[in-house]
Amino acid sequence: MGRDYLMEQAEYLKKDLGKHNISQTLFQRLKELIIEGKLPAGYMMPNENIVSEMLGVGRSTLREAYTALAVFGFIRRSKAGTFVNEIDNIVNIAPFSITVENSDLNDLLEFRYMLEGETASYAAKRATAEDIAQLTHCYEKMIAYRNDVNLFVDYDSMFHMQVSAATHNKLLISTMIAAKESFEKGIRLAMRESLTQNPRVIDVTIELHGKILEAIKNGDYQTAYSAMREHISYVNLTVKYG
């Protein structure tokens, strides 16, 4: 019988999980274990029921953490099971990630505008039923957490990562992974600062994500492109002018 790496880390994973945002905490801890090699490449995670019971969390919470890990490329899920991926591709893009992190905010906003329109366009051309289901899940969670800025932004960020995953283009996905942290900081900055001046920001953001989702569902790559650029333009204006 093979070594059960996850069982060895169970105490760390379930320590002080609290009652709020458990899936995000699990995502961060599992990501850390994968990066550190404590959950090695090729390792097959135990059955979800076993892991849920081991950690004392619901299956839906565990699945949300797994969804985030899959979107960011740390695991792959199939009918055969859930496996840890090689992380060389993530490690190799670290220099670009550092460049993004140290970029001027205006440069970052312009980069998003150029990148994500094309990403949405390719997602509309290539998204599978599973991709659309994951995008819909993120969108519904954004609506559910519209009154919690931090959780709202978590799912906003995950939505954008899932759009990149739906392109099935490894370079686009890797670029989004590298830039993700800085992108997310920009979104949080926009939301926190603008909410004090314009309570409609959340509503407008939800509306624009809905347009992107519908376009991808319909395979309408032109509308997906324009809707994403409209959304990024709105974020850019919100960051700059509140």
Protein backbone atom coordinates (compact mmCIF):
# COMPACT_ATOMS: atom_id res chain seq x y z
CA MET A 1 0.00 0.00 0.00
CA GLY A 2 1.35 3.43 -0.99
CA ARG A 3 2.25 6.18 1.40
CA ASP A 4 -0.71 8.37 2.37
CA TYR A 5 0.82 11.84 2.13
CA LEU A 6 -2.45 13.66 2.78
CA MET A 7 -3.09 11.72 5.98
CA GLU A 8 0.37 12.76 7.19
CA GLN A 9 -0.63 16.41 6.78
CA ALA A 10 -4.15 16.09 8.19
CA GLU A 11 -3.40 17.85 11.49
CA TYR A 12 -1.90 20.83 9.70
CA LEU A 13 -4.76 21.04 7.19
CA LYS A 14 -7.55 21.01 9.76
CA LYS A 15 -5.89 23.14 12.46
CA ASP A 16 -7.83 26.34 13.28
CA LEU A 17 -9.97 26.22 10.13
CA GLY A 18 -12.60 28.38 11.78
CA LYS A 19 -16.10 28.83 10.39
CA HIS A 20 -15.60 31.31 7.56
CA ASN A 21 -13.90 30.96 4.18
CA ILE A 22 -12.79 27.41 4.95
CA SER A 23 -12.42 26.44 1.29
CA GLN A 24 -10.01 29.34 0.66
CA THR A 25 -7.93 28.35 3.70
CA LEU A 26 -7.79 24.74 2.52
CA PHE A 27 -6.81 25.90 -0.96
CA GLN A 28 -3.91 27.95 0.41
CA ARG A 29 -2.68 25.13 2.66
CA LEU A 30 -2.93 22.44 -0.02
CA LYS A 31 -1.18 24.74 -2.51
CA GLU A 32 1.63 25.26 0.00
CA LEU A 33 2.01 21.51 0.55
CA ILE A 34 2.18 20.88 -3.20
CA ILE A 35 4.78 23.61 -3.75
CA GLU A 36 6.88 22.26 -0.88
CA GLY A 37 6.66 18.72 -2.28
CA LYS A 38 4.86 17.34 0.75
CA LEU A 39 2.10 16.30 -1.65
CA PRO A 40 4.31 15.08 -4.51
CA ALA A 41 3.60 15.11 -8.24
CA GLY A 42 1.55 12.10 -9.30
CA TYR A 43 0.07 11.54 -5.84
CA MET A 44 -3.59 10.53 -6.01
CA MET A 45 -5.76 12.19 -3.39
CA PRO A 46 -7.96 9.85 -1.32
CA ASN A 47 -11.69 9.63 -2.02
CA GLU A 48 -13.50 12.93 -1.31
CA ASN A 49 -15.69 11.33 1.36
CA ILE A 50 -12.59 10.13 3.21
CA VAL A 51 -10.86 13.53 2.99
CA SER A 52 -14.00 15.39 4.08
CA GLU A 53 -14.36 13.16 7.13
CA MET A 54 -10.63 13.36 7.89
CA LEU A 55 -10.67 17.17 7.89
CA GLY A 56 -14.12 17.63 9.38
CA VAL A 57 -15.46 19.68 6.45
CA GLY A 58 -18.33 19.28 4.03
CA ARG A 59 -17.79 17.82 0.56
CA SER A 60 -18.93 21.06 -1.08
CA THR A 61 -16.24 22.97 0.86
CA LEU A 62 -13.58 20.46 -0.18
CA ARG A 63 -14.72 20.59 -3.81
CA GLU A 64 -14.40 24.39 -3.83
CA ALA A 65 -10.80 24.07 -2.63
CA TYR A 66 -10.12 21.41 -5.27
CA THR A 67 -11.72 23.58 -7.96
CA ALA A 68 -9.36 26.44 -7.11
CA LEU A 69 -6.35 24.09 -7.13
CA ALA A 70 -7.38 22.73 -10.53
CA VAL A 71 -7.90 26.20 -11.98
CA PHE A 72 -4.43 27.26 -10.87
CA GLY A 73 -2.89 24.06 -12.27
CA PHE A 74 -1.86 22.35 -9.03
CA ILE A 75 -4.08 19.29 -9.47
CA ARG A 76 -5.96 17.54 -12.26
CA ARG A 77 -9.31 15.86 -11.79
CA SER A 78 -10.58 12.95 -13.85
CA LYS A 79 -12.81 9.90 -13.58
CA ALA A 80 -9.75 7.99 -12.42
CA GLY A 81 -9.26 10.33 -9.44
CA THR A 82 -7.66 13.59 -8.33
CA PHE A 83 -3.90 13.83 -8.93
CA VAL A 84 -1.19 16.32 -7.99
CA ASN A 85 0.40 17.92 -11.06
CA GLU A 86 4.04 18.67 -11.78
CA ILE A 87 4.72 22.23 -10.64
CA ASP A 88 7.74 22.91 -12.83
CA ASN A 89 5.63 25.02 -15.17
CA ILE A 90 4.52 27.18 -12.24
CA VAL A 91 7.99 27.48 -10.75
CA ASN A 92 9.50 28.36 -14.13
CA ILE A 93 7.26 31.42 -14.54
CA ALA A 94 8.29 32.90 -11.19
CA PRO A 95 10.57 35.58 -12.75
CA PHE A 96 7.62 36.88 -14.78
CA SER A 97 5.47 36.80 -11.65
CA ILE A 98 8.05 38.96 -9.86
CA THR A 99 8.09 41.40 -12.79
CA VAL A 100 4.31 41.70 -12.64
CA GLU A 101 4.35 42.18 -8.88
CA ASN A 102 6.77 45.11 -9.22
CA SER A 103 4.97 46.73 -12.15
CA ASP A 104 3.34 50.13 -12.05
CA LEU A 105 -0.41 49.89 -11.44
CA ASN A 106 -1.24 51.61 -14.74
CA ASP A 107 0.99 49.14 -16.61
CA LEU A 108 -0.77 46.26 -14.89
CA LEU A 109 -4.22 47.60 -15.79
CA GLU A 110 -3.22 48.05 -19.43
CA PHE A 111 -1.78 44.53 -19.47
CA ARG A 112 -5.03 43.10 -18.16
CA TYR A 113 -6.99 45.00 -20.80
CA MET A 114 -4.87 43.51 -23.60
CA LEU A 115 -4.67 39.99 -22.20
CA GLU A 116 -8.10 39.19 -20.87
CA GLY A 117 -10.18 40.23 -23.87
CA GLU A 118 -8.35 37.69 -26.01
CA THR A 119 -8.56 35.13 -23.21
CA ALA A 120 -12.35 35.46 -23.08
CA SER A 121 -12.54 35.18 -26.85
CA TYR A 122 -10.63 31.89 -26.90
CA ALA A 123 -12.66 30.63 -23.92
CA ALA A 124 -15.87 31.20 -25.91
CA LYS A 125 -14.44 29.13 -28.77
CA ARG A 126 -13.16 26.24 -26.64
CA ALA A 127 -15.04 26.02 -23.34
CA THR A 128 -16.32 22.56 -22.44
CA ALA A 129 -19.48 21.82 -20.48
CA GLU A 130 -17.30 21.36 -17.39
CA ASP A 131 -15.62 24.74 -17.95
CA ILE A 132 -19.02 26.43 -18.21
CA ALA A 133 -20.23 24.66 -15.07
CA GLN A 134 -17.20 25.95 -13.14
CA LEU A 135 -17.66 29.49 -14.47
CA THR A 136 -21.33 29.38 -13.51
CA HIS A 137 -20.39 28.20 -10.03
CA CYS A 138 -17.99 31.13 -9.56
CA TYR A 139 -20.57 33.59 -10.89
CA GLU A 140 -23.28 32.29 -8.56
CA LYS A 141 -20.90 32.55 -5.61
CA MET A 142 -20.15 36.17 -6.55
CA ILE A 143 -23.86 36.90 -6.35
CA ALA A 144 -24.21 35.00 -3.05
CA TYR A 145 -21.31 36.96 -1.47
CA ARG A 146 -22.14 40.39 -2.90
CA ASN A 147 -22.18 41.81 0.65
CA ASP A 148 -18.80 40.34 1.63
CA VAL A 149 -16.09 42.13 -0.35
CA ASN A 150 -13.31 39.66 0.47
CA LEU A 151 -15.26 36.55 -0.51
CA PHE A 152 -16.73 38.37 -3.50
CA VAL A 153 -13.23 39.14 -4.76
CA ASP A 154 -12.09 35.55 -4.13
CA TYR A 155 -14.74 34.28 -6.53
CA ASP A 156 -14.22 37.17 -8.94
CA SER A 157 -10.54 36.16 -9.17
CA MET A 158 -11.46 32.49 -9.53
CA PHE A 159 -13.89 33.38 -12.34
CA HIS A 160 -11.08 35.04 -14.30
CA MET A 161 -8.76 32.09 -13.71
CA GLN A 162 -11.49 29.73 -14.89
CA VAL A 163 -11.90 31.81 -18.06
CA SER A 164 -8.20 31.31 -18.74
CA ALA A 165 -8.51 27.57 -18.01
CA ALA A 166 -11.35 27.38 -20.56
CA THR A 167 -8.96 28.52 -23.30
CA HIS A 168 -7.03 25.24 -22.93
CA ASN A 169 -3.96 27.26 -23.90
CA LYS A 170 -1.10 26.48 -21.51
CA LEU A 171 0.71 29.75 -22.14
CA LEU A 172 -2.37 31.88 -21.44
CA ILE A 173 -3.11 29.87 -18.31
CA SER A 174 0.50 30.17 -17.08
CA THR A 175 0.48 33.92 -17.70
CA MET A 176 -2.70 34.33 -15.67
CA ILE A 177 -1.29 32.18 -12.86
CA ALA A 178 1.86 34.32 -12.74
CA ALA A 179 -0.10 37.57 -12.68
CA LYS A 180 -2.94 36.35 -10.46
CA GLU A 181 -1.79 37.76 -7.12
CA SER A 182 -1.17 41.25 -8.49
CA PHE A 183 -4.42 41.16 -10.45
CA GLU A 184 -6.29 40.23 -7.31
CA LYS A 185 -4.71 43.07 -5.34
CA GLY A 186 -5.91 45.46 -8.04
CA ILE A 187 -9.45 44.12 -7.84
CA ARG A 188 -9.49 44.37 -4.03
CA LEU A 189 -8.15 47.90 -4.21
CA ALA A 190 -10.85 48.86 -6.69
CA MET A 191 -13.65 47.32 -4.68
CA ARG A 192 -12.64 48.62 -1.27
CA GLU A 193 -11.97 52.17 -2.37
CA SER A 194 -14.93 52.54 -4.72
CA LEU A 195 -17.57 51.01 -2.45
CA THR A 196 -17.36 53.99 -0.13
CA GLN A 197 -18.15 56.29 -3.05
CA ASN A 198 -20.24 54.15 -5.39
CA PRO A 199 -22.31 51.29 -3.89
CA ARG A 200 -23.27 50.16 -7.42
CA VAL A 201 -19.79 48.86 -8.19
CA ILE A 202 -20.66 45.33 -7.03
CA ASP A 203 -23.90 45.31 -9.05
CA VAL A 204 -22.16 46.55 -12.20
CA THR A 205 -19.38 43.99 -11.75
CA ILE A 206 -21.91 41.16 -11.40
CA GLU A 207 -23.78 42.38 -14.48
CA LEU A 208 -20.60 42.47 -16.59
CA HIS A 209 -19.51 39.01 -15.44
CA GLY A 210 -22.97 37.77 -16.40
CA LYS A 211 -22.48 39.11 -19.94
CA ILE A 212 -19.11 37.39 -20.19
CA LEU A 213 -20.55 34.10 -18.93
CA GLU A 214 -23.48 34.18 -21.37
CA ALA A 215 -21.20 34.93 -24.30
CA ILE A 216 -18.91 32.01 -23.42
CA LYS A 217 -21.92 29.71 -22.96
CA ASN A 218 -23.17 30.71 -26.42
CA GLY A 219 -19.78 30.38 -28.07
CA ASP A 220 -20.02 34.05 -29.03
CA TYR A 221 -16.33 34.94 -29.06
CA GLN A 222 -16.84 38.51 -30.30
CA THR A 223 -19.24 39.39 -27.50
CA ALA A 224 -17.01 37.60 -24.96
CA TYR A 225 -14.08 39.71 -26.14
CA SER A 226 -15.98 43.02 -25.98
CA ALA A 227 -17.72 42.18 -22.67
CA MET A 228 -14.42 41.31 -21.00
CA ARG A 229 -12.78 44.49 -22.26
CA GLU A 230 -15.79 46.49 -21.05
CA HIS A 231 -15.38 44.87 -17.63
CA ILE A 232 -11.63 45.51 -17.45
CA SER A 233 -12.16 49.11 -18.61
CA TYR A 234 -14.67 49.58 -15.80
CA VAL A 235 -12.20 48.16 -13.26
CA ASN A 236 -9.48 50.42 -14.62
CA LEU A 237 -11.65 53.51 -14.31
CA THR A 238 -12.73 52.47 -10.82
CA VAL A 239 -9.13 52.02 -9.67
CA LYS A 240 -8.03 55.34 -11.16
CA TYR A 241 -10.99 57.54 -10.33
CA GLY A 242 -13.05 55.71 -7.71
